[in-house]
């Protein structure tokens, strides 16, 4: 899965996202859509407590990794 996030320099506000992949990308788009509706920041996304199941996925969701990388650039 490929994730591209866009944020506003200075304020850190989350402006948009592009996700390309199969399966679970739909669930991740829903997370971003909810945050965009709330005018959330990239830091809000990074600090989001997303559900996970250790046998099936790791603690670091691709959205959290992308938010961490973007926050370092803003």
PDB file of N, CA and C in Angstrom:
ATOM      1  N   UNK A   1       0.842  -1.172   0.000  1.00  0.00           N
ATOM      2  CA  UNK A   1       0.000   0.000   0.000  1.00  0.00           C
ATOM      3  C   UNK A   1       0.889   1.238   0.000  1.00  0.00           C
ATOM      4  N   UNK A   2       0.486   2.217  -0.784  1.00  0.00           N
ATOM      5  CA  UNK A   2       1.219   3.486  -0.861  1.00  0.00           C
ATOM      6  C   UNK A   2       0.338   4.585  -0.277  1.00  0.00           C
ATOM      7  N   UNK A   3       0.928   5.397   0.592  1.00  0.00           N
ATOM      8  CA  UNK A   3       0.200   6.479   1.249  1.00  0.00           C
ATOM      9  C   UNK A   3       0.930   7.781   0.988  1.00  0.00           C
ATOM     10  N   UNK A   4       0.174   8.788   0.603  1.00  0.00           N
ATOM     11  CA  UNK A   4       0.731  10.129   0.422  1.00  0.00           C
ATOM     12  C   UNK A   4      -0.171  11.097   1.174  1.00  0.00           C
ATOM     13  N   UNK A   5       0.401  11.795   2.147  1.00  0.00           N
ATOM     14  CA  UNK A   5      -0.333  12.768   2.930  1.00  0.00           C
ATOM     15  C   UNK A   5       0.124  14.169   2.555  1.00  0.00           C
ATOM     16  N   UNK A   6      -0.797  15.111   2.669  1.00  0.00           N
ATOM     17  CA  UNK A   6      -0.480  16.512   2.422  1.00  0.00           C
ATOM     18  C   UNK A   6      -0.878  17.308   3.655  1.00  0.00           C
ATOM     19  N   UNK A   7       0.020  18.196   4.082  1.00  0.00           N
ATOM     20  CA  UNK A   7      -0.246  19.019   5.252  1.00  0.00           C
ATOM     21  C   UNK A   7       0.177  20.451   5.021  1.00  0.00           C
ATOM     22  N   UNK A   8      -0.362  21.336   5.820  1.00  0.00           N
ATOM     23  CA  UNK A   8      -0.064  22.757   5.715  1.00  0.00           C
ATOM     24  C   UNK A   8       1.142  23.107   6.568  1.00  0.00           C
ATOM     25  N   UNK A   9       2.139  23.692   5.923  1.00  0.00           N
ATOM     26  CA  UNK A   9       3.334  24.124   6.644  1.00  0.00           C
ATOM     27  C   UNK A   9       2.958  25.217   7.634  1.00  0.00           C
ATOM     28  N   UNK A  10       3.536  25.169   8.799  1.00  0.00           N
ATOM     29  CA  UNK A  10       3.237  26.162   9.826  1.00  0.00           C
ATOM     30  C   UNK A  10       2.187  25.682  10.803  1.00  0.00           C
ATOM     31  N   UNK A  11       0.965  25.464  10.315  1.00  0.00           N
ATOM     32  CA  UNK A  11      -0.118  25.037  11.209  1.00  0.00           C
ATOM     33  C   UNK A  11      -0.107  23.527  11.445  1.00  0.00           C
ATOM     34  N   UNK A  12       0.437  22.766  10.479  1.00  0.00           N
ATOM     35  CA  UNK A  12       0.452  21.312  10.602  1.00  0.00           C
ATOM     36  C   UNK A  12      -0.878  20.662  10.280  1.00  0.00           C
ATOM     37  N   UNK A  13      -1.814  21.443   9.742  1.00  0.00           N
ATOM     38  CA  UNK A  13      -3.148  20.910   9.439  1.00  0.00           C
ATOM     39  C   UNK A  13      -3.088  19.878   8.322  1.00  0.00           C
ATOM     40  N   UNK A  14      -3.796  18.797   8.505  1.00  0.00           N
ATOM     41  CA  UNK A  14      -3.899  17.748   7.493  1.00  0.00           C
ATOM     42  C   UNK A  14      -4.798  18.255   6.373  1.00  0.00           C
ATOM     43  N   UNK A  15      -4.299  18.221   5.131  1.00  0.00           N
ATOM     44  CA  UNK A  15      -5.050  18.756   3.998  1.00  0.00           C
ATOM     45  C   UNK A  15      -5.599  17.689   3.075  1.00  0.00           C
ATOM     46  N   UNK A  16      -4.985  16.516   3.034  1.00  0.00           N
ATOM     47  CA  UNK A  16      -5.472  15.482   2.143  1.00  0.00           C
ATOM     48  C   UNK A  16      -4.618  14.244   2.187  1.00  0.00           C
ATOM     49  N   UNK A  17      -5.074  13.226   1.474  1.00  0.00           N
ATOM     50  CA  UNK A  17      -4.355  11.957   1.425  1.00  0.00           C
ATOM     51  C   UNK A  17      -4.689  11.220   0.146  1.00  0.00           C
ATOM     52  N   UNK A  18      -3.735  10.448  -0.307  1.00  0.00           N
ATOM     53  CA  UNK A  18      -3.937   9.522  -1.415  1.00  0.00           C
ATOM     54  C   UNK A  18      -3.469   8.157  -0.942  1.00  0.00           C
ATOM     55  N   UNK A  19      -4.301   7.163  -1.146  1.00  0.00           N
ATOM     56  CA  UNK A  19      -3.946   5.798  -0.793  1.00  0.00           C
ATOM     57  C   UNK A  19      -4.161   4.910  -2.001  1.00  0.00           C
ATOM     58  N   UNK A  20      -3.156   4.112  -2.306  1.00  0.00           N
ATOM     59  CA  UNK A  20      -3.237   3.177  -3.422  1.00  0.00           C
ATOM     60  C   UNK A  20      -2.914   1.798  -2.877  1.00  0.00           C
ATOM     61  N   UNK A  21      -3.843   0.880  -3.042  1.00  0.00           N
ATOM     62  CA  UNK A  21      -3.609  -0.470  -2.565  1.00  0.00           C
ATOM     63  C   UNK A  21      -4.898  -1.272  -2.584  1.00  0.00           C
ATOM     64  N   UNK A  22      -4.793  -2.474  -2.124  1.00  0.00           N
ATOM     65  CA  UNK A  22      -5.942  -3.380  -2.117  1.00  0.00           C
ATOM     66  C   UNK A  22      -6.428  -3.580  -0.689  1.00  0.00           C
ATOM     67  N   UNK A  23      -7.632  -4.051  -0.579  1.00  0.00           N
ATOM     68  CA  UNK A  23      -8.162  -4.489   0.712  1.00  0.00           C
ATOM     69  C   UNK A  23      -8.395  -3.390   1.719  1.00  0.00           C
ATOM     70  N   UNK A  24      -7.523  -3.304   2.706  1.00  0.00           N
ATOM     71  CA  UNK A  24      -7.719  -2.438   3.864  1.00  0.00           C
ATOM     72  C   UNK A  24      -7.524  -0.953   3.596  1.00  0.00           C
ATOM     73  N   UNK A  25      -7.187  -0.570   2.389  1.00  0.00           N
ATOM     74  CA  UNK A  25      -7.000   0.858   2.105  1.00  0.00           C
ATOM     75  C   UNK A  25      -8.306   1.622   2.301  1.00  0.00           C
ATOM     76  N   UNK A  26      -9.427   0.968   2.105  1.00  0.00           N
ATOM     77  CA  UNK A  26     -10.733   1.619   2.281  1.00  0.00           C
ATOM     78  C   UNK A  26     -10.924   2.054   3.729  1.00  0.00           C
ATOM     79  N   UNK A  27     -10.552   1.205   4.677  1.00  0.00           N
ATOM     80  CA  UNK A  27     -10.689   1.548   6.088  1.00  0.00           C
ATOM     81  C   UNK A  27      -9.812   2.742   6.437  1.00  0.00           C
ATOM     82  N   UNK A  28      -8.634   2.794   5.858  1.00  0.00           N
ATOM     83  CA  UNK A  28      -7.720   3.889   6.152  1.00  0.00           C
ATOM     84  C   UNK A  28      -8.208   5.212   5.565  1.00  0.00           C
ATOM     85  N   UNK A  29      -8.831   5.165   4.409  1.00  0.00           N
ATOM     86  CA  UNK A  29      -9.400   6.375   3.820  1.00  0.00           C
ATOM     87  C   UNK A  29     -10.491   6.924   4.739  1.00  0.00           C
ATOM     88  N   UNK A  30     -11.263   6.059   5.350  1.00  0.00           N
ATOM     89  CA  UNK A  30     -12.292   6.502   6.286  1.00  0.00           C
ATOM     90  C   UNK A  30     -11.686   7.245   7.479  1.00  0.00           C
ATOM     91  N   UNK A  31     -10.570   6.768   7.971  1.00  0.00           N
ATOM     92  CA  UNK A  31      -9.883   7.429   9.088  1.00  0.00           C
ATOM     93  C   UNK A  31      -9.473   8.838   8.674  1.00  0.00           C
ATOM     94  N   UNK A  32      -8.857   8.965   7.511  1.00  0.00           N
ATOM     95  CA  UNK A  32      -8.405  10.271   7.027  1.00  0.00           C
ATOM     96  C   UNK A  32      -9.606  11.188   6.778  1.00  0.00           C
ATOM     97  N   UNK A  33     -10.668  10.662   6.189  1.00  0.00           N
ATOM     98  CA  UNK A  33     -11.859  11.471   5.913  1.00  0.00           C
ATOM     99  C   UNK A  33     -12.447  12.050   7.200  1.00  0.00           C
ATOM    100  N   UNK A  34     -12.507  11.259   8.251  1.00  0.00           N
ATOM    101  CA  UNK A  34     -13.027  11.744   9.527  1.00  0.00           C
ATOM    102  C   UNK A  34     -12.144  12.850  10.096  1.00  0.00           C
ATOM    103  N   UNK A  35     -10.837  12.685   9.985  1.00  0.00           N
ATOM    104  CA  UNK A  35      -9.918  13.709  10.491  1.00  0.00           C
ATOM    105  C   UNK A  35      -9.994  14.985   9.664  1.00  0.00           C
ATOM    106  N   UNK A  36     -10.140  14.855   8.359  1.00  0.00           N
ATOM    107  CA  UNK A  36     -10.272  16.036   7.499  1.00  0.00           C
ATOM    108  C   UNK A  36     -11.552  16.804   7.855  1.00  0.00           C
ATOM    109  N   UNK A  37     -12.612  16.080   8.121  1.00  0.00           N
ATOM    110  CA  UNK A  37     -13.871  16.712   8.494  1.00  0.00           C
ATOM    111  C   UNK A  37     -13.718  17.530   9.777  1.00  0.00           C
ATOM    112  N   UNK A  38     -12.907  17.058  10.691  1.00  0.00           N
ATOM    113  CA  UNK A  38     -12.665  17.734  11.980  1.00  0.00           C
ATOM    114  C   UNK A  38     -11.559  18.780  11.895  1.00  0.00           C
ATOM    115  N   UNK A  39     -11.000  18.979  10.683  1.00  0.00           N
ATOM    116  CA  UNK A  39      -9.895  19.935  10.476  1.00  0.00           C
ATOM    117  C   UNK A  39      -8.710  19.609  11.401  1.00  0.00           C
ATOM    118  N   UNK A  40      -8.401  18.322  11.485  1.00  0.00           N
ATOM    119  CA  UNK A  40      -7.355  17.817  12.371  1.00  0.00           C
ATOM    120  C   UNK A  40      -5.969  18.107  11.804  1.00  0.00           C
ATOM    121  N   UNK A  41      -4.995  17.974  12.665  1.00  0.00           N
ATOM    122  CA  UNK A  41      -3.605  18.173  12.265  1.00  0.00           C
ATOM    123  C   UNK A  41      -2.947  16.828  11.942  1.00  0.00           C
ATOM    124  N   UNK A  42      -1.785  16.914  11.348  1.00  0.00           N
ATOM    125  CA  UNK A  42      -1.002  15.709  11.072  1.00  0.00           C
ATOM    126  C   UNK A  42      -0.642  15.034  12.388  1.00  0.00           C
ATOM    127  N   UNK A  43      -0.374  15.826  13.404  1.00  0.00           N
ATOM    128  CA  UNK A  43      -0.061  15.277  14.729  1.00  0.00           C
ATOM    129  C   UNK A  43      -1.270  14.524  15.300  1.00  0.00           C
ATOM    130  N   UNK A  44      -2.478  15.031  15.058  1.00  0.00           N
ATOM    131  CA  UNK A  44      -3.685  14.308  15.500  1.00  0.00           C
ATOM    132  C   UNK A  44      -3.753  12.929  14.860  1.00  0.00           C
ATOM    133  N   UNK A  45      -3.416  12.858  13.585  1.00  0.00           N
ATOM    134  CA  UNK A  45      -3.406  11.552  12.912  1.00  0.00           C
ATOM    135  C   UNK A  45      -2.339  10.658  13.517  1.00  0.00           C
ATOM    136  N   UNK A  46      -1.149  11.199  13.730  1.00  0.00           N
ATOM    137  CA  UNK A  46      -0.058  10.403  14.295  1.00  0.00           C
ATOM    138  C   UNK A  46      -0.426   9.863  15.677  1.00  0.00           C
ATOM    139  N   UNK A  47      -1.153  10.651  16.455  1.00  0.00           N
ATOM    140  CA  UNK A  47      -1.511  10.243  17.818  1.00  0.00           C
ATOM    141  C   UNK A  47      -2.804   9.428  17.883  1.00  0.00           C
ATOM    142  N   UNK A  48      -3.423   9.174  16.735  1.00  0.00           N
ATOM    143  CA  UNK A  48      -4.670   8.405  16.715  1.00  0.00           C
ATOM    144  C   UNK A  48      -4.432   6.994  17.250  1.00  0.00           C
ATOM    145  N   UNK A  49      -5.369   6.531  18.026  1.00  0.00           N
ATOM    146  CA  UNK A  49      -5.286   5.194  18.602  1.00  0.00           C
ATOM    147  C   UNK A  49      -6.067   4.244  17.695  1.00  0.00           C
ATOM    148  N   UNK A  50      -5.374   3.679  16.724  1.00  0.00           N
ATOM    149  CA  UNK A  50      -6.008   2.784  15.759  1.00  0.00           C
ATOM    150  C   UNK A  50      -5.972   1.354  16.284  1.00  0.00           C
ATOM    151  N   UNK A  51      -7.031   0.627  16.021  1.00  0.00           N
ATOM    152  CA  UNK A  51      -7.104  -0.770  16.467  1.00  0.00           C
ATOM    153  C   UNK A  51      -6.130  -1.640  15.677  1.00  0.00           C
ATOM    154  N   UNK A  52      -5.600  -2.630  16.340  1.00  0.00           N
ATOM    155  CA  UNK A  52      -4.731  -3.587  15.657  1.00  0.00           C
ATOM    156  C   UNK A  52      -4.834  -4.950  16.334  1.00  0.00           C
ATOM    157  N   UNK A  53      -4.464  -5.957  15.591  1.00  0.00           N
ATOM    158  CA  UNK A  53      -4.439  -7.324  16.112  1.00  0.00           C
ATOM    159  C   UNK A  53      -3.052  -7.889  15.811  1.00  0.00           C
ATOM    160  N   UNK A  54      -2.239  -8.114  16.829  1.00  0.00           N
ATOM    161  CA  UNK A  54      -0.852  -8.549  16.615  1.00  0.00           C
ATOM    162  C   UNK A  54      -0.659  -9.713  15.643  1.00  0.00           C
ATOM    163  N   UNK A  55      -1.541 -10.706  15.604  1.00  0.00           N
ATOM    164  CA  UNK A  55      -1.294 -11.788  14.642  1.00  0.00           C
ATOM    165  C   UNK A  55      -1.436 -11.351  13.182  1.00  0.00           C
ATOM    166  N   UNK A  56      -2.166 -10.239  12.956  1.00  0.00           N
ATOM    167  CA  UNK A  56      -2.468  -9.844  11.587  1.00  0.00           C
ATOM    168  C   UNK A  56      -1.790  -8.555  11.136  1.00  0.00           C
ATOM    169  N   UNK A  57      -1.425  -7.701  12.071  1.00  0.00           N
ATOM    170  CA  UNK A  57      -0.794  -6.435  11.706  1.00  0.00           C
ATOM    171  C   UNK A  57       0.043  -5.926  12.864  1.00  0.00           C
ATOM    172  N   UNK A  58       0.981  -5.060  12.525  1.00  0.00           N
ATOM    173  CA  UNK A  58       1.851  -4.500  13.544  1.00  0.00           C
ATOM    174  C   UNK A  58       1.239  -3.291  14.222  1.00  0.00           C
ATOM    175  N   UNK A  59       1.943  -2.777  15.207  1.00  0.00           N
ATOM    176  CA  UNK A  59       1.500  -1.603  15.951  1.00  0.00           C
ATOM    177  C   UNK A  59       1.527  -0.366  15.064  1.00  0.00           C
ATOM    178  N   UNK A  60       2.519  -0.274  14.184  1.00  0.00           N
ATOM    179  CA  UNK A  60       2.711   0.905  13.339  1.00  0.00           C
ATOM    180  C   UNK A  60       1.953   0.747  12.023  1.00  0.00           C
ATOM    181  N   UNK A  61       0.758   1.310  11.974  1.00  0.00           N
ATOM    182  CA  UNK A  61      -0.046   1.315  10.767  1.00  0.00           C
ATOM    183  C   UNK A  61       0.614   2.234   9.732  1.00  0.00           C
ATOM    184  N   UNK A  62       0.378   1.964   8.464  1.00  0.00           N
ATOM    185  CA  UNK A  62       0.990   2.787   7.408  1.00  0.00           C
ATOM    186  C   UNK A  62       0.574   4.253   7.518  1.00  0.00           C
ATOM    187  N   UNK A  63      -0.633   4.534   7.990  1.00  0.00           N
ATOM    188  CA  UNK A  63      -1.051   5.928   8.176  1.00  0.00           C
ATOM    189  C   UNK A  63      -0.229   6.616   9.251  1.00  0.00           C
ATOM    190  N   UNK A  64       0.062   5.915  10.322  1.00  0.00           N
ATOM    191  CA  UNK A  64       0.862   6.492  11.401  1.00  0.00           C
ATOM    192  C   UNK A  64       2.291   6.753  10.948  1.00  0.00           C
ATOM    193  N   UNK A  65       2.841   5.842  10.181  1.00  0.00           N
ATOM    194  CA  UNK A  65       4.205   6.020   9.662  1.00  0.00           C
ATOM    195  C   UNK A  65       4.243   7.219   8.714  1.00  0.00           C
ATOM    196  N   UNK A  66       3.248   7.338   7.839  1.00  0.00           N
ATOM    197  CA  UNK A  66       3.189   8.461   6.899  1.00  0.00           C
ATOM    198  C   UNK A  66       3.014   9.778   7.652  1.00  0.00           C
ATOM    199  N   UNK A  67       2.181   9.800   8.679  1.00  0.00           N
ATOM    200  CA  UNK A  67       1.979  11.017   9.471  1.00  0.00           C
ATOM    201  C   UNK A  67       3.257  11.414  10.200  1.00  0.00           C
ATOM    202  N   UNK A  68       3.980  10.442  10.707  1.00  0.00           N
ATOM    203  CA  UNK A  68       5.252  10.731  11.378  1.00  0.00           C
ATOM    204  C   UNK A  68       6.245  11.365  10.406  1.00  0.00           C
ATOM    205  N   UNK A  69       6.359  10.800   9.230  1.00  0.00           N
ATOM    206  CA  UNK A  69       7.287  11.350   8.228  1.00  0.00           C
ATOM    207  C   UNK A  69       6.887  12.749   7.792  1.00  0.00           C
ATOM    208  N   UNK A  70       5.581  12.963   7.569  1.00  0.00           N
ATOM    209  CA  UNK A  70       5.127  14.289   7.152  1.00  0.00           C
ATOM    210  C   UNK A  70       5.330  15.318   8.244  1.00  0.00           C
ATOM    211  N   UNK A  71       5.086  14.947   9.488  1.00  0.00           N
ATOM    212  CA  UNK A  71       5.247  15.894  10.589  1.00  0.00           C
ATOM    213  C   UNK A  71       6.688  16.380  10.710  1.00  0.00           C
ATOM    214  N   UNK A  72       7.638  15.558  10.328  1.00  0.00           N
ATOM    215  CA  UNK A  72       9.046  15.962  10.366  1.00  0.00           C
ATOM    216  C   UNK A  72       9.378  16.968   9.264  1.00  0.00           C
ATOM    217  N   UNK A  73       8.587  16.948   8.184  1.00  0.00           N
ATOM    218  CA  UNK A  73       8.816  17.856   7.057  1.00  0.00           C
ATOM    219  C   UNK A  73       8.120  19.206   7.232  1.00  0.00           C
ATOM    220  N   UNK A  74       7.084  19.218   8.053  1.00  0.00           N
ATOM    221  CA  UNK A  74       6.311  20.460   8.210  1.00  0.00           C
ATOM    222  C   UNK A  74       6.937  21.361   9.213  1.00  0.00           C
TER     223      UNK A  74
END
